[in-house]
């Protein structure tokens, strides 16, 4: 809660000084790690793994309509109306012995 209190104080101070700012936040949990990148190709696997957040529709041919028609209760996000699919390259840590481990967000 300390972060939230500090953020509130900063926001109030900025508002009082005439500075205008927006704050937007969505919280998501990963829905999967897959070798696909729907922007680059819809026909084959990606050359690296991506971590996906949002509706559990993580396949290359997913469409805008698929996302909009998905069940909002299955999304990993905290805003039911947000049916967007977000992803980034998956991050791994490498141990001294060369073993690779998936690095989850927030850890």
N, C-alpha and C. Protein backbone atom coordinates (compact mmCIF):
# COMPACT_ATOMS: atom_id res chain seq x y z
N UNK A 1 0.81 -1.20 0.00
CA UNK A 1 0.00 0.00 0.00
C UNK A 1 0.85 1.26 0.00
N UNK A 2 2.07 1.15 0.47
CA UNK A 2 2.92 2.33 0.55
C UNK A 2 3.12 2.96 -0.83
N UNK A 3 3.35 2.12 -1.85
CA UNK A 3 3.50 2.64 -3.21
C UNK A 3 2.27 3.40 -3.65
N UNK A 4 1.08 2.85 -3.37
CA UNK A 4 -0.17 3.49 -3.75
C UNK A 4 -0.31 4.84 -3.05
N UNK A 5 0.01 4.92 -1.76
CA UNK A 5 -0.07 6.19 -1.03
C UNK A 5 0.88 7.22 -1.61
N UNK A 6 2.09 6.80 -1.93
CA UNK A 6 3.07 7.71 -2.52
C UNK A 6 2.60 8.20 -3.88
N UNK A 7 2.10 7.29 -4.70
CA UNK A 7 1.59 7.66 -6.01
C UNK A 7 0.44 8.65 -5.90
N UNK A 8 -0.45 8.42 -4.94
CA UNK A 8 -1.57 9.33 -4.73
C UNK A 8 -1.06 10.72 -4.34
N UNK A 9 -0.09 10.79 -3.46
CA UNK A 9 0.46 12.08 -3.05
C UNK A 9 1.11 12.81 -4.22
N UNK A 10 1.84 12.09 -5.04
CA UNK A 10 2.47 12.70 -6.22
C UNK A 10 1.41 13.21 -7.18
N UNK A 11 0.38 12.41 -7.41
CA UNK A 11 -0.69 12.81 -8.32
C UNK A 11 -1.41 14.04 -7.80
N UNK A 12 -1.73 14.08 -6.51
CA UNK A 12 -2.40 15.24 -5.94
C UNK A 12 -1.53 16.49 -6.00
N UNK A 13 -0.25 16.34 -5.74
CA UNK A 13 0.67 17.47 -5.81
C UNK A 13 0.77 17.99 -7.24
N UNK A 14 0.83 17.10 -8.20
CA UNK A 14 0.90 17.52 -9.60
C UNK A 14 -0.38 18.23 -10.01
N UNK A 15 -1.53 17.73 -9.57
CA UNK A 15 -2.82 18.37 -9.88
C UNK A 15 -2.90 19.76 -9.29
N UNK A 16 -2.43 19.92 -8.06
CA UNK A 16 -2.48 21.21 -7.38
C UNK A 16 -1.58 22.24 -8.08
N UNK A 17 -0.51 21.76 -8.70
CA UNK A 17 0.41 22.68 -9.35
C UNK A 17 0.00 22.98 -10.79
N UNK A 18 -1.10 22.41 -11.25
CA UNK A 18 -1.58 22.66 -12.61
C UNK A 18 -1.02 21.70 -13.64
N UNK A 19 -0.26 20.70 -13.20
CA UNK A 19 0.28 19.70 -14.11
C UNK A 19 -0.79 18.64 -14.34
N UNK A 20 -1.02 18.27 -15.59
CA UNK A 20 -2.03 17.27 -15.91
C UNK A 20 -1.33 15.96 -16.27
N UNK A 21 -1.77 14.86 -15.70
CA UNK A 21 -1.19 13.56 -16.01
C UNK A 21 -2.27 12.50 -15.95
N UNK A 22 -2.10 11.47 -16.75
CA UNK A 22 -3.00 10.32 -16.75
C UNK A 22 -2.25 9.12 -16.17
N UNK A 23 -2.99 8.21 -15.58
CA UNK A 23 -2.41 6.98 -15.06
C UNK A 23 -3.32 5.86 -15.48
N UNK A 24 -2.77 4.87 -16.17
CA UNK A 24 -3.53 3.73 -16.65
C UNK A 24 -2.78 2.47 -16.29
N UNK A 25 -3.48 1.53 -15.70
CA UNK A 25 -2.82 0.28 -15.30
C UNK A 25 -3.77 -0.88 -15.49
N UNK A 26 -3.23 -1.94 -16.05
CA UNK A 26 -3.91 -3.23 -16.13
C UNK A 26 -3.00 -4.26 -15.48
N UNK A 27 -3.57 -5.16 -14.73
CA UNK A 27 -2.80 -6.25 -14.15
C UNK A 27 -3.16 -7.53 -14.88
N UNK A 28 -2.15 -8.25 -15.33
CA UNK A 28 -2.36 -9.50 -16.05
C UNK A 28 -1.44 -10.58 -15.50
N UNK A 29 -1.91 -11.79 -15.53
CA UNK A 29 -1.10 -12.97 -15.26
C UNK A 29 -0.82 -13.64 -16.61
N UNK A 30 0.30 -14.30 -16.76
CA UNK A 30 0.57 -15.00 -18.03
C UNK A 30 -0.46 -16.11 -18.26
N UNK A 31 -0.87 -16.25 -19.52
CA UNK A 31 -1.76 -17.37 -19.88
C UNK A 31 -0.99 -18.48 -20.58
N UNK A 32 0.23 -18.19 -20.99
CA UNK A 32 1.03 -19.23 -21.63
C UNK A 32 2.30 -18.71 -22.24
N UNK A 33 3.17 -19.67 -22.59
CA UNK A 33 4.44 -19.38 -23.23
C UNK A 33 4.48 -20.23 -24.51
N UNK A 34 4.51 -19.57 -25.66
CA UNK A 34 4.34 -20.28 -26.93
C UNK A 34 5.29 -19.71 -27.99
N UNK A 35 5.72 -20.56 -28.89
CA UNK A 35 6.54 -20.11 -30.02
C UNK A 35 5.63 -19.63 -31.15
N UNK A 36 4.95 -18.52 -30.89
CA UNK A 36 4.11 -17.91 -31.91
C UNK A 36 4.17 -16.39 -31.77
N UNK A 37 4.00 -15.69 -32.88
CA UNK A 37 3.97 -14.23 -32.91
C UNK A 37 2.96 -13.83 -33.98
N UNK A 38 1.69 -13.61 -33.60
CA UNK A 38 0.62 -13.36 -34.58
C UNK A 38 0.86 -12.15 -35.48
N UNK A 39 1.70 -11.20 -35.08
CA UNK A 39 1.96 -10.05 -35.95
C UNK A 39 2.92 -10.42 -37.07
N UNK A 40 3.93 -11.22 -36.75
CA UNK A 40 4.96 -11.57 -37.74
C UNK A 40 4.46 -12.61 -38.74
N UNK A 41 3.86 -13.68 -38.25
CA UNK A 41 3.37 -14.71 -39.16
C UNK A 41 2.17 -15.42 -38.55
N UNK A 42 1.21 -15.73 -39.40
CA UNK A 42 0.03 -16.47 -38.95
C UNK A 42 0.07 -17.91 -39.44
N UNK A 43 1.19 -18.29 -40.06
CA UNK A 43 1.27 -19.60 -40.69
C UNK A 43 2.23 -20.60 -40.05
N UNK A 44 3.15 -20.12 -39.21
CA UNK A 44 4.12 -21.07 -38.65
C UNK A 44 4.61 -20.59 -37.29
N UNK A 45 5.45 -21.40 -36.68
CA UNK A 45 6.00 -21.08 -35.37
C UNK A 45 6.99 -19.92 -35.47
N UNK A 46 7.11 -19.18 -34.39
CA UNK A 46 8.11 -18.12 -34.27
C UNK A 46 9.47 -18.75 -34.01
N UNK A 47 10.54 -17.98 -34.22
CA UNK A 47 11.86 -18.52 -33.95
C UNK A 47 12.26 -18.41 -32.47
N UNK A 48 11.36 -17.83 -31.65
CA UNK A 48 11.59 -17.76 -30.21
C UNK A 48 10.25 -17.78 -29.47
N UNK A 49 10.30 -17.97 -28.16
CA UNK A 49 9.10 -18.11 -27.34
C UNK A 49 8.60 -16.74 -26.89
N UNK A 50 7.27 -16.58 -26.82
CA UNK A 50 6.65 -15.37 -26.29
C UNK A 50 5.78 -15.73 -25.09
N UNK A 51 5.67 -14.80 -24.15
CA UNK A 51 4.77 -14.93 -23.01
C UNK A 51 3.53 -14.11 -23.32
N UNK A 52 2.35 -14.72 -23.18
CA UNK A 52 1.08 -14.07 -23.53
C UNK A 52 0.25 -13.76 -22.30
N UNK A 53 -0.52 -12.67 -22.40
CA UNK A 53 -1.42 -12.21 -21.33
C UNK A 53 -2.75 -11.84 -21.96
N UNK A 54 -3.84 -12.09 -21.24
CA UNK A 54 -5.18 -11.73 -21.74
C UNK A 54 -6.01 -12.97 -21.96
N UNK A 55 -6.85 -12.97 -23.00
CA UNK A 55 -7.65 -14.15 -23.30
C UNK A 55 -6.74 -15.33 -23.66
N UNK A 56 -7.13 -16.54 -23.30
CA UNK A 56 -6.27 -17.70 -23.58
C UNK A 56 -6.37 -18.17 -25.04
N UNK A 57 -6.17 -17.25 -25.96
CA UNK A 57 -6.23 -17.54 -27.39
C UNK A 57 -4.84 -17.27 -27.97
N UNK A 58 -3.95 -18.21 -27.78
CA UNK A 58 -2.55 -17.98 -28.14
C UNK A 58 -2.13 -18.90 -29.27
N UNK A 59 -2.68 -18.65 -30.44
CA UNK A 59 -2.34 -19.41 -31.62
C UNK A 59 -2.14 -18.42 -32.77
N UNK A 60 -1.37 -18.79 -33.79
CA UNK A 60 -0.97 -17.84 -34.83
C UNK A 60 -2.12 -17.16 -35.59
N UNK A 61 -3.21 -17.86 -35.81
CA UNK A 61 -4.28 -17.30 -36.63
C UNK A 61 -5.37 -16.58 -35.83
N UNK A 62 -5.10 -16.23 -34.55
CA UNK A 62 -6.10 -15.53 -33.75
C UNK A 62 -6.44 -14.20 -34.44
N UNK A 63 -7.72 -13.84 -34.42
CA UNK A 63 -8.17 -12.62 -35.08
C UNK A 63 -8.76 -11.64 -34.07
N UNK A 64 -8.95 -10.43 -34.52
CA UNK A 64 -9.59 -9.41 -33.70
C UNK A 64 -10.96 -9.91 -33.24
N UNK A 65 -11.74 -10.50 -34.16
CA UNK A 65 -13.07 -11.00 -33.82
C UNK A 65 -12.99 -12.12 -32.78
N UNK A 66 -12.00 -13.01 -32.91
CA UNK A 66 -11.81 -14.07 -31.91
C UNK A 66 -11.65 -13.47 -30.52
N UNK A 67 -10.81 -12.43 -30.43
CA UNK A 67 -10.56 -11.80 -29.13
C UNK A 67 -11.80 -11.11 -28.59
N UNK A 68 -12.51 -10.38 -29.43
CA UNK A 68 -13.71 -9.66 -28.99
C UNK A 68 -14.82 -10.62 -28.57
N UNK A 69 -14.87 -11.80 -29.16
CA UNK A 69 -15.92 -12.77 -28.84
C UNK A 69 -15.52 -13.73 -27.72
N UNK A 70 -14.31 -13.61 -27.22
CA UNK A 70 -13.87 -14.54 -26.17
C UNK A 70 -14.57 -14.24 -24.84
N UNK A 71 -14.64 -15.24 -24.00
CA UNK A 71 -15.28 -15.12 -22.69
C UNK A 71 -14.42 -14.24 -21.78
N UNK A 72 -14.91 -13.05 -21.37
CA UNK A 72 -14.10 -12.16 -20.54
C UNK A 72 -13.72 -12.78 -19.20
N UNK A 73 -14.46 -13.75 -18.74
CA UNK A 73 -14.14 -14.39 -17.46
C UNK A 73 -12.91 -15.30 -17.56
N UNK A 74 -12.48 -15.60 -18.79
CA UNK A 74 -11.31 -16.45 -18.98
C UNK A 74 -10.03 -15.62 -19.17
N UNK A 75 -10.17 -14.32 -19.33
CA UNK A 75 -9.00 -13.46 -19.52
C UNK A 75 -8.16 -13.42 -18.24
N UNK A 76 -6.86 -13.23 -18.40
CA UNK A 76 -5.99 -13.16 -17.23
C UNK A 76 -5.87 -11.73 -16.70
N UNK A 77 -6.61 -10.80 -17.29
CA UNK A 77 -6.56 -9.41 -16.85
C UNK A 77 -7.61 -9.06 -15.82
N UNK A 78 -7.46 -7.87 -15.24
CA UNK A 78 -8.37 -7.44 -14.18
C UNK A 78 -9.49 -6.51 -14.66
N UNK A 79 -9.58 -6.26 -15.98
CA UNK A 79 -10.64 -5.43 -16.52
C UNK A 79 -11.41 -6.26 -17.55
N UNK A 80 -12.64 -6.61 -17.23
CA UNK A 80 -13.41 -7.51 -18.09
C UNK A 80 -13.56 -6.99 -19.52
N UNK A 81 -13.65 -5.68 -19.67
CA UNK A 81 -13.87 -5.11 -21.01
C UNK A 81 -12.61 -5.16 -21.88
N UNK A 82 -11.46 -5.39 -21.28
CA UNK A 82 -10.21 -5.42 -22.04
C UNK A 82 -9.95 -6.84 -22.53
N UNK A 83 -10.28 -7.08 -23.78
CA UNK A 83 -10.07 -8.39 -24.38
C UNK A 83 -8.85 -8.41 -25.28
N UNK A 84 -7.94 -7.47 -25.07
CA UNK A 84 -6.71 -7.42 -25.86
C UNK A 84 -5.78 -8.55 -25.47
N UNK A 85 -4.94 -8.94 -26.42
CA UNK A 85 -3.93 -9.95 -26.19
C UNK A 85 -2.57 -9.25 -26.19
N UNK A 86 -1.80 -9.42 -25.14
CA UNK A 86 -0.50 -8.79 -25.02
C UNK A 86 0.56 -9.87 -24.95
N UNK A 87 1.75 -9.58 -25.50
CA UNK A 87 2.84 -10.54 -25.41
C UNK A 87 4.19 -9.86 -25.57
N UNK A 88 5.19 -10.56 -25.10
CA UNK A 88 6.57 -10.10 -25.23
C UNK A 88 7.46 -11.33 -25.32
N UNK A 89 8.68 -11.16 -25.82
CA UNK A 89 9.59 -12.31 -25.83
C UNK A 89 9.79 -12.84 -24.41
N UNK A 90 9.76 -14.14 -24.27
CA UNK A 90 9.93 -14.77 -22.97
C UNK A 90 11.38 -14.61 -22.50
N UNK A 91 11.52 -14.33 -21.22
CA UNK A 91 12.86 -14.11 -20.64
C UNK A 91 13.26 -15.36 -19.86
N UNK A 92 14.50 -15.78 -20.06
CA UNK A 92 15.06 -16.92 -19.36
C UNK A 92 16.29 -16.48 -18.56
N UNK A 93 16.53 -17.15 -17.44
CA UNK A 93 17.79 -16.98 -16.72
C UNK A 93 18.66 -18.19 -17.04
N UNK A 94 19.96 -17.95 -17.07
CA UNK A 94 20.89 -19.03 -17.38
C UNK A 94 21.78 -19.25 -16.16
N UNK A 95 21.76 -20.46 -15.63
CA UNK A 95 22.58 -20.82 -14.47
C UNK A 95 24.03 -21.03 -14.90
N UNK A 96 24.91 -21.08 -13.93
CA UNK A 96 26.34 -21.27 -14.19
C UNK A 96 26.61 -22.56 -14.98
N UNK A 97 25.77 -23.57 -14.78
CA UNK A 97 25.97 -24.83 -15.50
C UNK A 97 25.32 -24.84 -16.88
N UNK A 98 24.73 -23.69 -17.28
CA UNK A 98 24.11 -23.57 -18.60
C UNK A 98 22.63 -23.91 -18.63
N UNK A 99 22.08 -24.35 -17.50
CA UNK A 99 20.66 -24.65 -17.43
C UNK A 99 19.84 -23.38 -17.58
N UNK A 100 18.81 -23.44 -18.44
CA UNK A 100 17.94 -22.28 -18.65
C UNK A 100 16.62 -22.48 -17.93
N UNK A 101 16.15 -21.41 -17.25
CA UNK A 101 14.88 -21.45 -16.53
C UNK A 101 14.03 -20.26 -16.94
N UNK A 102 12.76 -20.50 -17.11
CA UNK A 102 11.82 -19.43 -17.44
C UNK A 102 11.78 -18.41 -16.30
N UNK A 103 11.90 -17.15 -16.63
CA UNK A 103 11.83 -16.08 -15.62
C UNK A 103 10.44 -15.45 -15.70
N UNK A 104 9.60 -15.75 -14.71
CA UNK A 104 8.25 -15.19 -14.68
C UNK A 104 8.31 -13.71 -14.37
N UNK A 105 7.36 -12.94 -14.89
CA UNK A 105 7.27 -11.52 -14.59
C UNK A 105 7.04 -11.29 -13.12
N UNK A 106 7.63 -10.22 -12.58
CA UNK A 106 7.41 -9.85 -11.20
C UNK A 106 8.23 -10.64 -10.21
N UNK A 107 9.14 -11.47 -10.68
CA UNK A 107 9.97 -12.26 -9.76
C UNK A 107 11.39 -11.79 -9.83
